[in-house]
Amino acid sequence: MRRGRRSDTDISAGDALDFWRVLVANKEEKRLLLYAEMKLPGEAWLEFNINEKNILTQTATFRPLGVSGRIYWYCVLPFHAFIFEGMINNIVS
C-alpha cells in the first residue's frame, strides 16, 4: 500500500487518509469519495457531498464478499450510527 499525501493542505486522488484511499476529490462538485484499504470481508466506500443548499451528506457503502461479509456487515451495523454521526458532527463543527 502507498501511504501518505502529497500535500498537507490539499487532497488529491490517490492520496491516503488513515486507512482510506482518495478516489475522487473535486472541489467544484463538492465531492469526496474514499475507498477503504483496511482488511474487510468485502469492499467499502465513504462519500461526502455538499449540495446546492450547503448540506453535507455522508454515504457509507459496503459490498460484502460472501456469507462472512454479510455477517460482518450486520454485526457492525448498530455501531455505524454512532461512528458516522460522530464523524459528520466533528467535520461540521
N, C-alpha and C. Protein backbone atom coordinates (compact mmCIF):
# COMPACT_ATOMS: atom_id res chain seq x y z
N MET A 1 0.83 -1.19 0.00
CA MET A 1 0.00 0.00 0.00
C MET A 1 0.88 1.25 0.00
N ARG A 2 0.47 2.21 -0.80
CA ARG A 2 1.14 3.50 -0.80
C ARG A 2 0.54 4.30 0.35
N ARG A 3 1.36 4.86 1.18
CA ARG A 3 0.85 5.67 2.29
C ARG A 3 1.26 7.11 2.07
N GLY A 4 0.52 8.00 2.67
CA GLY A 4 0.90 9.40 2.68
C GLY A 4 0.13 10.26 1.70
N ARG A 5 0.38 11.56 1.85
CA ARG A 5 -0.25 12.55 0.98
C ARG A 5 0.83 13.42 0.37
N ARG A 6 0.51 13.98 -0.78
CA ARG A 6 1.46 14.85 -1.47
C ARG A 6 1.50 16.23 -0.86
N SER A 7 0.41 16.63 -0.19
CA SER A 7 0.31 17.98 0.36
C SER A 7 -0.38 17.93 1.72
N ASP A 8 0.01 18.83 2.60
CA ASP A 8 -0.64 18.92 3.92
C ASP A 8 -1.96 19.68 3.86
N THR A 9 -2.17 20.47 2.81
CA THR A 9 -3.36 21.31 2.73
C THR A 9 -4.35 20.89 1.66
N ASP A 10 -3.92 20.14 0.66
CA ASP A 10 -4.81 19.71 -0.43
C ASP A 10 -4.93 18.19 -0.45
N ILE A 11 -6.11 17.73 -0.85
CA ILE A 11 -6.36 16.29 -1.00
C ILE A 11 -6.55 16.02 -2.48
N SER A 12 -5.86 15.00 -2.98
CA SER A 12 -5.95 14.64 -4.40
C SER A 12 -6.23 13.15 -4.53
N ALA A 13 -6.78 12.78 -5.68
CA ALA A 13 -6.99 11.36 -5.97
C ALA A 13 -5.67 10.62 -5.83
N GLY A 14 -5.71 9.48 -5.15
CA GLY A 14 -4.52 8.68 -4.92
C GLY A 14 -3.91 8.87 -3.54
N ASP A 15 -4.26 9.96 -2.85
CA ASP A 15 -3.73 10.21 -1.50
C ASP A 15 -4.32 9.23 -0.50
N ALA A 16 -3.57 9.00 0.58
CA ALA A 16 -4.04 8.16 1.68
C ALA A 16 -4.49 9.04 2.82
N LEU A 17 -5.65 8.71 3.39
CA LEU A 17 -6.16 9.37 4.60
C LEU A 17 -6.47 8.25 5.58
N ASP A 18 -5.63 8.10 6.58
CA ASP A 18 -5.74 6.98 7.51
C ASP A 18 -5.75 5.68 6.71
N PHE A 19 -6.83 4.90 6.82
CA PHE A 19 -6.90 3.64 6.08
C PHE A 19 -7.81 3.76 4.87
N TRP A 20 -7.99 4.97 4.38
CA TRP A 20 -8.80 5.23 3.19
C TRP A 20 -7.91 5.73 2.06
N ARG A 21 -8.26 5.40 0.83
CA ARG A 21 -7.60 5.91 -0.37
C ARG A 21 -8.56 6.88 -1.05
N VAL A 22 -8.09 8.06 -1.40
CA VAL A 22 -8.92 9.06 -2.07
C VAL A 22 -9.10 8.64 -3.53
N LEU A 23 -10.35 8.44 -3.95
CA LEU A 23 -10.65 8.13 -5.34
C LEU A 23 -11.03 9.39 -6.11
N VAL A 24 -11.85 10.23 -5.48
CA VAL A 24 -12.29 11.48 -6.09
C VAL A 24 -12.21 12.58 -5.04
N ALA A 25 -11.61 13.69 -5.41
CA ALA A 25 -11.58 14.89 -4.56
C ALA A 25 -11.81 16.07 -5.50
N ASN A 26 -13.07 16.49 -5.61
CA ASN A 26 -13.44 17.51 -6.58
C ASN A 26 -14.10 18.68 -5.87
N LYS A 27 -13.38 19.81 -5.80
CA LYS A 27 -13.91 21.00 -5.11
C LYS A 27 -15.08 21.60 -5.85
N GLU A 28 -15.05 21.61 -7.18
CA GLU A 28 -16.15 22.19 -7.95
C GLU A 28 -17.45 21.43 -7.74
N GLU A 29 -17.37 20.11 -7.72
CA GLU A 29 -18.56 19.27 -7.49
C GLU A 29 -18.86 19.10 -6.01
N LYS A 30 -17.95 19.57 -5.16
CA LYS A 30 -18.08 19.42 -3.70
C LYS A 30 -18.29 17.95 -3.33
N ARG A 31 -17.35 17.13 -3.80
CA ARG A 31 -17.47 15.68 -3.63
C ARG A 31 -16.12 15.08 -3.23
N LEU A 32 -16.18 14.18 -2.25
CA LEU A 32 -15.01 13.42 -1.82
C LEU A 32 -15.43 11.96 -1.73
N LEU A 33 -14.73 11.10 -2.44
CA LEU A 33 -15.02 9.66 -2.43
C LEU A 33 -13.78 8.91 -1.97
N LEU A 34 -13.95 8.12 -0.91
CA LEU A 34 -12.85 7.36 -0.32
C LEU A 34 -13.11 5.86 -0.44
N TYR A 35 -12.03 5.10 -0.62
CA TYR A 35 -12.11 3.64 -0.69
C TYR A 35 -11.33 3.06 0.49
N ALA A 36 -11.93 2.12 1.21
CA ALA A 36 -11.29 1.53 2.39
C ALA A 36 -10.18 0.56 1.97
N GLU A 37 -8.99 0.76 2.54
CA GLU A 37 -7.87 -0.14 2.28
C GLU A 37 -7.59 -1.05 3.47
N MET A 38 -8.54 -1.08 4.41
CA MET A 38 -8.38 -1.97 5.56
C MET A 38 -8.81 -3.39 5.15
N LYS A 39 -8.42 -4.34 5.94
CA LYS A 39 -8.78 -5.73 5.66
C LYS A 39 -10.24 -5.93 6.06
N LEU A 40 -11.07 -6.21 5.07
CA LEU A 40 -12.51 -6.39 5.28
C LEU A 40 -13.00 -7.58 4.45
N PRO A 41 -14.10 -8.19 4.86
CA PRO A 41 -14.70 -9.25 4.04
C PRO A 41 -15.60 -8.64 2.97
N GLY A 42 -15.03 -7.74 2.19
CA GLY A 42 -15.77 -7.05 1.14
C GLY A 42 -15.08 -5.73 0.82
N GLU A 43 -15.80 -4.85 0.13
CA GLU A 43 -15.25 -3.55 -0.25
C GLU A 43 -16.11 -2.45 0.37
N ALA A 44 -15.47 -1.35 0.76
CA ALA A 44 -16.20 -0.26 1.41
C ALA A 44 -15.78 1.09 0.82
N TRP A 45 -16.76 1.97 0.68
CA TRP A 45 -16.55 3.33 0.20
C TRP A 45 -17.21 4.29 1.17
N LEU A 46 -16.66 5.48 1.27
CA LEU A 46 -17.24 6.55 2.08
C LEU A 46 -17.25 7.79 1.21
N GLU A 47 -18.43 8.38 1.07
CA GLU A 47 -18.57 9.54 0.18
C GLU A 47 -19.16 10.72 0.94
N PHE A 48 -18.61 11.89 0.66
CA PHE A 48 -19.10 13.15 1.21
C PHE A 48 -19.48 14.06 0.05
N ASN A 49 -20.66 14.66 0.14
CA ASN A 49 -21.15 15.60 -0.86
C ASN A 49 -21.74 16.81 -0.15
N ILE A 50 -21.57 17.98 -0.75
CA ILE A 50 -22.23 19.19 -0.27
C ILE A 50 -23.15 19.65 -1.40
N ASN A 51 -24.46 19.74 -1.10
CA ASN A 51 -25.40 20.11 -2.16
C ASN A 51 -25.51 21.62 -2.31
N GLU A 52 -26.39 22.05 -3.21
CA GLU A 52 -26.53 23.49 -3.50
C GLU A 52 -27.06 24.29 -2.31
N LYS A 53 -27.66 23.62 -1.33
CA LYS A 53 -28.13 24.30 -0.12
C LYS A 53 -27.10 24.23 1.01
N ASN A 54 -25.87 23.83 0.67
CA ASN A 54 -24.76 23.70 1.62
C ASN A 54 -25.03 22.66 2.70
N ILE A 55 -25.73 21.60 2.36
CA ILE A 55 -25.97 20.49 3.28
C ILE A 55 -24.98 19.37 2.97
N LEU A 56 -24.25 18.96 4.01
CA LEU A 56 -23.26 17.90 3.87
C LEU A 56 -23.94 16.54 4.02
N THR A 57 -23.72 15.68 3.04
CA THR A 57 -24.26 14.32 3.07
C THR A 57 -23.10 13.34 3.11
N GLN A 58 -23.22 12.36 3.98
CA GLN A 58 -22.21 11.32 4.12
C GLN A 58 -22.88 9.99 3.79
N THR A 59 -22.27 9.23 2.89
CA THR A 59 -22.83 7.95 2.48
C THR A 59 -21.77 6.86 2.62
N ALA A 60 -22.09 5.82 3.38
CA ALA A 60 -21.21 4.67 3.53
C ALA A 60 -21.79 3.52 2.71
N THR A 61 -20.96 2.91 1.89
CA THR A 61 -21.38 1.79 1.04
C THR A 61 -20.48 0.60 1.33
N PHE A 62 -21.08 -0.56 1.48
CA PHE A 62 -20.32 -1.78 1.70
C PHE A 62 -20.83 -2.86 0.76
N ARG A 63 -19.92 -3.47 0.02
CA ARG A 63 -20.26 -4.59 -0.86
C ARG A 63 -19.65 -5.84 -0.23
N PRO A 64 -20.49 -6.65 0.43
CA PRO A 64 -19.96 -7.83 1.15
C PRO A 64 -19.45 -8.89 0.19
N LEU A 65 -18.47 -9.63 0.67
CA LEU A 65 -17.92 -10.76 -0.07
C LEU A 65 -18.36 -12.03 0.62
N GLY A 66 -19.35 -12.69 0.07
CA GLY A 66 -19.83 -13.96 0.61
C GLY A 66 -20.58 -13.81 1.93
N VAL A 67 -20.76 -14.94 2.57
CA VAL A 67 -21.51 -15.00 3.82
C VAL A 67 -20.76 -14.26 4.93
N SER A 68 -19.44 -14.40 4.96
CA SER A 68 -18.68 -13.72 6.02
C SER A 68 -18.82 -12.20 5.92
N GLY A 69 -18.92 -11.69 4.71
CA GLY A 69 -19.12 -10.25 4.52
C GLY A 69 -20.47 -9.79 5.02
N ARG A 70 -21.49 -10.59 4.78
CA ARG A 70 -22.84 -10.24 5.26
C ARG A 70 -22.91 -10.32 6.79
N ILE A 71 -22.31 -11.33 7.37
CA ILE A 71 -22.29 -11.45 8.83
C ILE A 71 -21.56 -10.25 9.43
N TYR A 72 -20.41 -9.91 8.86
CA TYR A 72 -19.65 -8.74 9.33
C TYR A 72 -20.52 -7.49 9.29
N TRP A 73 -21.19 -7.26 8.16
CA TRP A 73 -21.98 -6.03 7.99
C TRP A 73 -23.08 -5.94 9.05
N TYR A 74 -23.79 -7.03 9.27
CA TYR A 74 -24.88 -6.99 10.25
C TYR A 74 -24.36 -6.89 11.69
N CYS A 75 -23.16 -7.39 11.95
CA CYS A 75 -22.58 -7.27 13.29
C CYS A 75 -22.14 -5.84 13.59
N VAL A 76 -21.60 -5.12 12.61
CA VAL A 76 -21.11 -3.76 12.85
C VAL A 76 -22.16 -2.69 12.55
N LEU A 77 -23.26 -3.07 11.95
CA LEU A 77 -24.30 -2.10 11.58
C LEU A 77 -24.78 -1.24 12.75
N PRO A 78 -25.04 -1.81 13.94
CA PRO A 78 -25.50 -0.96 15.05
C PRO A 78 -24.49 0.10 15.47
N PHE A 79 -23.21 -0.16 15.29
CA PHE A 79 -22.17 0.78 15.70
C PHE A 79 -21.97 1.91 14.70
N HIS A 80 -22.33 1.67 13.45
CA HIS A 80 -22.11 2.69 12.43
C HIS A 80 -22.90 3.97 12.68
N ALA A 81 -24.06 3.87 13.25
CA ALA A 81 -24.84 5.08 13.55
C ALA A 81 -24.05 6.00 14.47
N PHE A 82 -23.40 5.45 15.48
CA PHE A 82 -22.61 6.26 16.42
C PHE A 82 -21.33 6.77 15.75
N ILE A 83 -20.66 5.88 15.04
CA ILE A 83 -19.39 6.25 14.41
C ILE A 83 -19.59 7.35 13.39
N PHE A 84 -20.54 7.14 12.47
CA PHE A 84 -20.71 8.10 11.38
C PHE A 84 -21.37 9.39 11.84
N GLU A 85 -22.26 9.32 12.81
CA GLU A 85 -22.86 10.55 13.34
C GLU A 85 -21.79 11.40 14.02
N GLY A 86 -20.93 10.76 14.79
CA GLY A 86 -19.84 11.49 15.43
C GLY A 86 -18.88 12.08 14.42
N MET A 87 -18.60 11.33 13.36
CA MET A 87 -17.69 11.79 12.33
C MET A 87 -18.26 13.02 11.63
N ILE A 88 -19.49 12.95 11.21
CA ILE A 88 -20.11 14.07 10.49
C ILE A 88 -20.23 15.30 11.39
N ASN A 89 -20.54 15.11 12.67
CA ASN A 89 -20.62 16.24 13.60
C ASN A 89 -19.26 16.90 13.80
N ASN A 90 -18.20 16.10 13.86
CA ASN A 90 -16.85 16.66 14.02
C ASN A 90 -16.40 17.40 12.76
N ILE A 91 -16.81 16.94 11.61
CA ILE A 91 -16.46 17.62 10.37
C ILE A 91 -17.16 18.96 10.28
N VAL A 92 -18.44 18.99 10.63
CA VAL A 92 -19.25 20.21 10.51
C VAL A 92 -18.82 21.25 11.53
N SER A 93 -18.48 20.83 12.75
CA SER A 93 -18.17 21.81 13.81
C SER A 93 -16.75 22.34 13.70
